[in-house]
Amino acid sequence: MSEQRIFDAKLYRVSDFEIVADYTLRVKFNDGTERVIDFEPLLRGPVFGPLRDRALFAQVKLEANFGALEWPTGADIDPTILHDWPEHAPSIIERRREQFAVSVIGGGSA
């Protein structure tokens, strides 16, 4: 019989947030951690792109069931990703730039 391992994954929830600058939030988590996150580099594509409108970005809400931040466009980000943002940000930002470069630069389909 093979050994099964159960991982003790930490799941974090956003407990509070505040807008501190254009596209930038101070995010507080259930373990006491705080992060100041600039979301501007993510604001590309059909879901996140409309959030470049500052008034729409400011409509961010705390989703109570999962402890995630969400916007009226349907955009949301896993709270564990936000908690560990310094570790994940470079690859997420680069992936979004690559994913939406064609529509930004070329203006058409690939």
N, C-alpha and C. Protein backbone atom coordinates (compact mmCIF):
# COMPACT_ATOMS: atom_id res chain seq x y z
N MET A 1 0.85 -1.18 0.00
CA MET A 1 0.00 0.00 0.00
C MET A 1 0.89 1.24 0.00
N SER A 2 0.56 2.20 -0.85
CA SER A 2 1.38 3.40 -0.91
C SER A 2 1.00 4.35 0.23
N GLU A 3 1.99 5.11 0.65
CA GLU A 3 1.79 6.07 1.73
C GLU A 3 1.12 7.32 1.18
N GLN A 4 0.09 7.77 1.86
CA GLN A 4 -0.56 9.01 1.47
C GLN A 4 -0.14 10.10 2.43
N ARG A 5 0.15 11.26 1.86
CA ARG A 5 0.55 12.39 2.69
C ARG A 5 -0.56 13.43 2.66
N ILE A 6 -0.84 13.95 3.79
CA ILE A 6 -1.81 15.03 3.89
C ILE A 6 -1.01 16.30 4.11
N PHE A 7 -1.21 17.25 3.24
CA PHE A 7 -0.47 18.50 3.34
C PHE A 7 -1.20 19.46 4.26
N ASP A 8 -0.45 20.11 5.10
CA ASP A 8 -0.99 21.11 6.01
C ASP A 8 -0.85 22.48 5.34
N ALA A 9 -1.68 22.70 4.32
CA ALA A 9 -1.61 23.95 3.57
C ALA A 9 -2.25 25.06 4.39
N LYS A 10 -1.60 26.20 4.39
CA LYS A 10 -2.14 27.37 5.05
C LYS A 10 -3.10 28.07 4.09
N LEU A 11 -4.28 28.31 4.53
CA LEU A 11 -5.25 29.05 3.75
C LEU A 11 -5.49 30.38 4.46
N TYR A 12 -5.31 31.44 3.75
CA TYR A 12 -5.43 32.77 4.33
C TYR A 12 -6.71 33.43 3.82
N ARG A 13 -7.20 34.36 4.60
CA ARG A 13 -8.37 35.14 4.24
C ARG A 13 -8.03 36.61 4.42
N VAL A 14 -8.57 37.43 3.54
CA VAL A 14 -8.45 38.87 3.73
C VAL A 14 -9.43 39.24 4.84
N SER A 15 -8.95 39.96 5.84
CA SER A 15 -9.82 40.38 6.94
C SER A 15 -10.24 41.85 6.80
N ASP A 16 -9.44 42.63 6.07
CA ASP A 16 -9.76 44.04 5.89
C ASP A 16 -8.85 44.59 4.78
N PHE A 17 -9.21 45.73 4.25
CA PHE A 17 -8.38 46.39 3.24
C PHE A 17 -8.72 47.86 3.21
N GLU A 18 -7.83 48.64 2.62
CA GLU A 18 -8.11 50.05 2.37
C GLU A 18 -7.38 50.47 1.10
N ILE A 19 -7.98 51.41 0.39
CA ILE A 19 -7.35 51.98 -0.80
C ILE A 19 -6.37 53.03 -0.31
N VAL A 20 -5.09 52.89 -0.71
CA VAL A 20 -4.07 53.83 -0.25
C VAL A 20 -3.51 54.71 -1.37
N ALA A 21 -3.76 54.35 -2.61
CA ALA A 21 -3.33 55.12 -3.78
C ALA A 21 -4.06 54.56 -4.99
N ASP A 22 -3.89 55.20 -6.16
CA ASP A 22 -4.50 54.66 -7.38
C ASP A 22 -4.07 53.21 -7.57
N TYR A 23 -5.03 52.31 -7.67
CA TYR A 23 -4.80 50.90 -7.94
C TYR A 23 -4.03 50.17 -6.84
N THR A 24 -3.87 50.79 -5.69
CA THR A 24 -3.05 50.21 -4.62
C THR A 24 -3.89 50.04 -3.35
N LEU A 25 -3.82 48.82 -2.80
CA LEU A 25 -4.56 48.51 -1.59
C LEU A 25 -3.61 48.06 -0.49
N ARG A 26 -3.94 48.42 0.74
CA ARG A 26 -3.31 47.81 1.91
C ARG A 26 -4.25 46.70 2.31
N VAL A 27 -3.75 45.47 2.31
CA VAL A 27 -4.57 44.30 2.55
C VAL A 27 -4.12 43.65 3.85
N LYS A 28 -5.09 43.38 4.73
CA LYS A 28 -4.82 42.73 6.01
C LYS A 28 -5.39 41.32 5.98
N PHE A 29 -4.65 40.39 6.57
CA PHE A 29 -5.03 38.98 6.54
C PHE A 29 -5.35 38.45 7.93
N ASN A 30 -6.02 37.31 7.96
CA ASN A 30 -6.46 36.72 9.21
C ASN A 30 -5.32 36.28 10.12
N ASP A 31 -4.09 36.24 9.62
CA ASP A 31 -2.96 35.87 10.49
C ASP A 31 -2.19 37.11 10.97
N GLY A 32 -2.72 38.31 10.68
CA GLY A 32 -2.08 39.55 11.11
C GLY A 32 -1.14 40.15 10.08
N THR A 33 -0.83 39.44 9.01
CA THR A 33 0.04 39.96 7.95
C THR A 33 -0.66 41.10 7.22
N GLU A 34 0.12 42.09 6.81
CA GLU A 34 -0.37 43.18 5.96
C GLU A 34 0.51 43.29 4.73
N ARG A 35 -0.09 43.59 3.61
CA ARG A 35 0.64 43.81 2.36
C ARG A 35 0.08 45.05 1.70
N VAL A 36 0.96 45.85 1.11
CA VAL A 36 0.54 46.95 0.24
C VAL A 36 0.81 46.46 -1.17
N ILE A 37 -0.27 46.36 -1.95
CA ILE A 37 -0.19 45.74 -3.28
C ILE A 37 -0.65 46.74 -4.34
N ASP A 38 0.22 46.96 -5.33
CA ASP A 38 -0.10 47.79 -6.49
C ASP A 38 -0.65 46.85 -7.57
N PHE A 39 -1.93 46.97 -7.86
CA PHE A 39 -2.60 46.09 -8.81
C PHE A 39 -2.47 46.58 -10.26
N GLU A 40 -1.92 47.78 -10.47
CA GLU A 40 -1.87 48.35 -11.82
C GLU A 40 -1.27 47.40 -12.86
N PRO A 41 -0.17 46.69 -12.57
CA PRO A 41 0.39 45.81 -13.60
C PRO A 41 -0.54 44.65 -14.00
N LEU A 42 -1.56 44.37 -13.22
CA LEU A 42 -2.49 43.28 -13.54
C LEU A 42 -3.68 43.73 -14.38
N LEU A 43 -3.86 45.03 -14.51
CA LEU A 43 -5.09 45.56 -15.09
C LEU A 43 -5.05 45.51 -16.61
N ARG A 44 -5.17 44.30 -17.12
CA ARG A 44 -5.18 44.01 -18.55
C ARG A 44 -6.24 42.95 -18.81
N GLY A 45 -6.72 42.90 -20.02
CA GLY A 45 -7.65 41.85 -20.41
C GLY A 45 -9.09 42.19 -20.08
N PRO A 46 -10.01 41.28 -20.45
CA PRO A 46 -11.44 41.58 -20.34
C PRO A 46 -11.98 41.65 -18.91
N VAL A 47 -11.38 40.97 -17.97
CA VAL A 47 -11.88 40.98 -16.60
C VAL A 47 -11.22 42.06 -15.76
N PHE A 48 -9.89 42.15 -15.82
CA PHE A 48 -9.15 43.12 -15.01
C PHE A 48 -8.95 44.45 -15.72
N GLY A 49 -8.92 44.47 -17.04
CA GLY A 49 -8.69 45.70 -17.80
C GLY A 49 -9.64 46.83 -17.47
N PRO A 50 -10.94 46.57 -17.35
CA PRO A 50 -11.87 47.65 -17.03
C PRO A 50 -11.57 48.34 -15.68
N LEU A 51 -10.81 47.67 -14.82
CA LEU A 51 -10.50 48.25 -13.52
C LEU A 51 -9.49 49.39 -13.62
N ARG A 52 -9.00 49.69 -14.82
CA ARG A 52 -8.16 50.87 -15.01
C ARG A 52 -9.00 52.13 -14.77
N ASP A 53 -10.30 52.00 -14.87
CA ASP A 53 -11.21 53.08 -14.48
C ASP A 53 -11.15 53.14 -12.95
N ARG A 54 -10.59 54.23 -12.44
CA ARG A 54 -10.36 54.34 -10.99
C ARG A 54 -11.65 54.19 -10.18
N ALA A 55 -12.74 54.71 -10.70
CA ALA A 55 -14.02 54.60 -9.98
C ALA A 55 -14.46 53.14 -9.88
N LEU A 56 -14.24 52.38 -10.94
CA LEU A 56 -14.59 50.96 -10.92
C LEU A 56 -13.64 50.19 -10.00
N PHE A 57 -12.34 50.50 -10.06
CA PHE A 57 -11.38 49.85 -9.16
C PHE A 57 -11.78 50.07 -7.70
N ALA A 58 -12.25 51.28 -7.39
CA ALA A 58 -12.61 51.64 -6.02
C ALA A 58 -13.85 50.90 -5.51
N GLN A 59 -14.54 50.17 -6.39
CA GLN A 59 -15.71 49.40 -5.99
C GLN A 59 -15.33 48.01 -5.43
N VAL A 60 -14.07 47.81 -5.14
CA VAL A 60 -13.61 46.55 -4.58
C VAL A 60 -14.36 46.26 -3.28
N LYS A 61 -14.68 45.00 -3.09
CA LYS A 61 -15.40 44.55 -1.89
C LYS A 61 -14.70 43.33 -1.31
N LEU A 62 -14.94 43.10 -0.04
CA LEU A 62 -14.46 41.89 0.62
C LEU A 62 -15.56 40.84 0.52
N GLU A 63 -15.27 39.75 -0.17
CA GLU A 63 -16.21 38.65 -0.31
C GLU A 63 -16.17 37.85 1.00
N ALA A 64 -17.25 37.84 1.73
CA ALA A 64 -17.26 37.31 3.10
C ALA A 64 -17.05 35.80 3.20
N ASN A 65 -17.55 35.03 2.26
CA ASN A 65 -17.46 33.57 2.37
C ASN A 65 -16.05 33.03 2.23
N PHE A 66 -15.26 33.61 1.33
CA PHE A 66 -13.92 33.10 1.05
C PHE A 66 -12.81 34.04 1.50
N GLY A 67 -13.17 35.24 1.94
CA GLY A 67 -12.16 36.19 2.37
C GLY A 67 -11.32 36.70 1.23
N ALA A 68 -11.94 36.87 0.06
CA ALA A 68 -11.23 37.34 -1.13
C ALA A 68 -11.69 38.75 -1.46
N LEU A 69 -10.85 39.46 -2.21
CA LEU A 69 -11.24 40.75 -2.76
C LEU A 69 -11.89 40.50 -4.10
N GLU A 70 -12.98 41.23 -4.38
CA GLU A 70 -13.65 41.06 -5.67
C GLU A 70 -14.17 42.39 -6.17
N TRP A 71 -14.27 42.49 -7.49
CA TRP A 71 -14.74 43.69 -8.16
C TRP A 71 -15.99 43.37 -8.96
N PRO A 72 -16.75 44.39 -9.34
CA PRO A 72 -17.99 44.17 -10.10
C PRO A 72 -17.78 43.49 -11.46
N THR A 73 -16.56 43.54 -12.00
CA THR A 73 -16.29 42.91 -13.30
C THR A 73 -16.19 41.39 -13.19
N GLY A 74 -16.18 40.87 -11.96
CA GLY A 74 -15.97 39.44 -11.75
C GLY A 74 -14.53 39.13 -11.40
N ALA A 75 -13.68 40.14 -11.44
CA ALA A 75 -12.27 39.95 -11.08
C ALA A 75 -12.15 39.66 -9.60
N ASP A 76 -11.32 38.69 -9.29
CA ASP A 76 -10.97 38.41 -7.91
C ASP A 76 -9.61 37.73 -7.90
N ILE A 77 -8.99 37.71 -6.74
CA ILE A 77 -7.68 37.07 -6.61
C ILE A 77 -7.69 36.25 -5.33
N ASP A 78 -7.21 35.03 -5.45
CA ASP A 78 -7.14 34.14 -4.30
C ASP A 78 -6.42 34.82 -3.14
N PRO A 79 -6.99 34.82 -1.94
CA PRO A 79 -6.35 35.50 -0.82
C PRO A 79 -4.99 34.92 -0.44
N THR A 80 -4.77 33.64 -0.69
CA THR A 80 -3.47 33.05 -0.39
C THR A 80 -2.41 33.59 -1.34
N ILE A 81 -2.77 33.82 -2.60
CA ILE A 81 -1.85 34.44 -3.56
C ILE A 81 -1.51 35.85 -3.09
N LEU A 82 -2.52 36.61 -2.66
CA LEU A 82 -2.26 37.97 -2.16
C LEU A 82 -1.39 37.95 -0.92
N HIS A 83 -1.63 37.00 -0.03
CA HIS A 83 -0.84 36.88 1.20
C HIS A 83 0.64 36.69 0.86
N ASP A 84 0.90 35.86 -0.14
CA ASP A 84 2.28 35.53 -0.54
C ASP A 84 2.68 36.32 -1.79
N TRP A 85 2.13 37.53 -1.96
CA TRP A 85 2.32 38.34 -3.16
C TRP A 85 3.78 38.51 -3.58
N PRO A 86 4.71 38.82 -2.69
CA PRO A 86 6.10 39.01 -3.15
C PRO A 86 6.65 37.77 -3.88
N GLU A 87 6.21 36.62 -3.50
CA GLU A 87 6.66 35.37 -4.13
C GLU A 87 6.01 35.15 -5.49
N HIS A 88 4.76 35.54 -5.64
CA HIS A 88 3.99 35.25 -6.86
C HIS A 88 3.94 36.38 -7.87
N ALA A 89 4.09 37.61 -7.43
CA ALA A 89 3.86 38.77 -8.29
C ALA A 89 4.66 38.76 -9.60
N PRO A 90 5.97 38.52 -9.56
CA PRO A 90 6.72 38.61 -10.83
C PRO A 90 6.18 37.68 -11.92
N SER A 91 5.87 36.44 -11.58
CA SER A 91 5.40 35.51 -12.61
C SER A 91 3.97 35.84 -13.05
N ILE A 92 3.12 36.28 -12.14
CA ILE A 92 1.76 36.64 -12.51
C ILE A 92 1.76 37.86 -13.43
N ILE A 93 2.52 38.86 -13.09
CA ILE A 93 2.59 40.07 -13.90
C ILE A 93 3.14 39.77 -15.28
N GLU A 94 4.20 39.00 -15.35
CA GLU A 94 4.78 38.65 -16.64
C GLU A 94 3.80 37.84 -17.50
N ARG A 95 3.12 36.89 -16.88
CA ARG A 95 2.15 36.07 -17.61
C ARG A 95 1.03 36.94 -18.16
N ARG A 96 0.54 37.91 -17.40
CA ARG A 96 -0.52 38.79 -17.89
C ARG A 96 -0.02 39.67 -19.03
N ARG A 97 1.21 40.15 -18.92
CA ARG A 97 1.78 40.97 -20.01
C ARG A 97 1.86 40.16 -21.30
N GLU A 98 2.35 38.93 -21.18
CA GLU A 98 2.47 38.08 -22.37
C GLU A 98 1.09 37.71 -22.93
N GLN A 99 0.17 37.38 -22.06
CA GLN A 99 -1.16 36.95 -22.47
C GLN A 99 -1.89 38.05 -23.23
N PHE A 100 -1.73 39.29 -22.82
CA PHE A 100 -2.51 40.37 -23.41
C PHE A 100 -1.67 41.31 -24.28
N ALA A 101 -0.44 40.93 -24.58
CA ALA A 101 0.44 41.77 -25.42
C ALA A 101 -0.11 41.93 -26.84
N VAL A 102 -0.67 40.87 -27.40
CA VAL A 102 -1.17 40.93 -28.78
C VAL A 102 -2.28 41.95 -28.90
N SER A 103 -3.21 41.96 -27.95
CA SER A 103 -4.32 42.90 -28.05
C SER A 103 -3.87 44.33 -27.78
N VAL A 104 -2.83 44.51 -26.96
CA VAL A 104 -2.35 45.85 -26.65
C VAL A 104 -1.48 46.37 -27.77
N ILE A 105 -0.55 45.55 -28.27
CA ILE A 105 0.41 45.99 -29.29
C ILE A 105 -0.16 45.87 -30.69
N GLY A 106 -0.66 44.68 -31.00
CA GLY A 106 -1.10 44.42 -32.37
C GLY A 106 -2.51 44.88 -32.68
N GLY A 107 -3.33 44.96 -31.64
CA GLY A 107 -4.69 45.39 -31.84
C GLY A 107 -5.56 44.37 -32.57
N GLY A 108 -5.03 43.17 -32.79
CA GLY A 108 -5.82 42.16 -33.50
C GLY A 108 -5.53 40.79 -32.96
N SER A 109 -5.91 39.80 -33.73
CA SER A 109 -5.70 38.42 -33.28
C SER A 109 -4.36 37.90 -33.79
N ALA A 110 -3.87 36.90 -33.09
CA ALA A 110 -2.56 36.32 -33.46
C ALA A 110 -2.71 35.33 -34.58
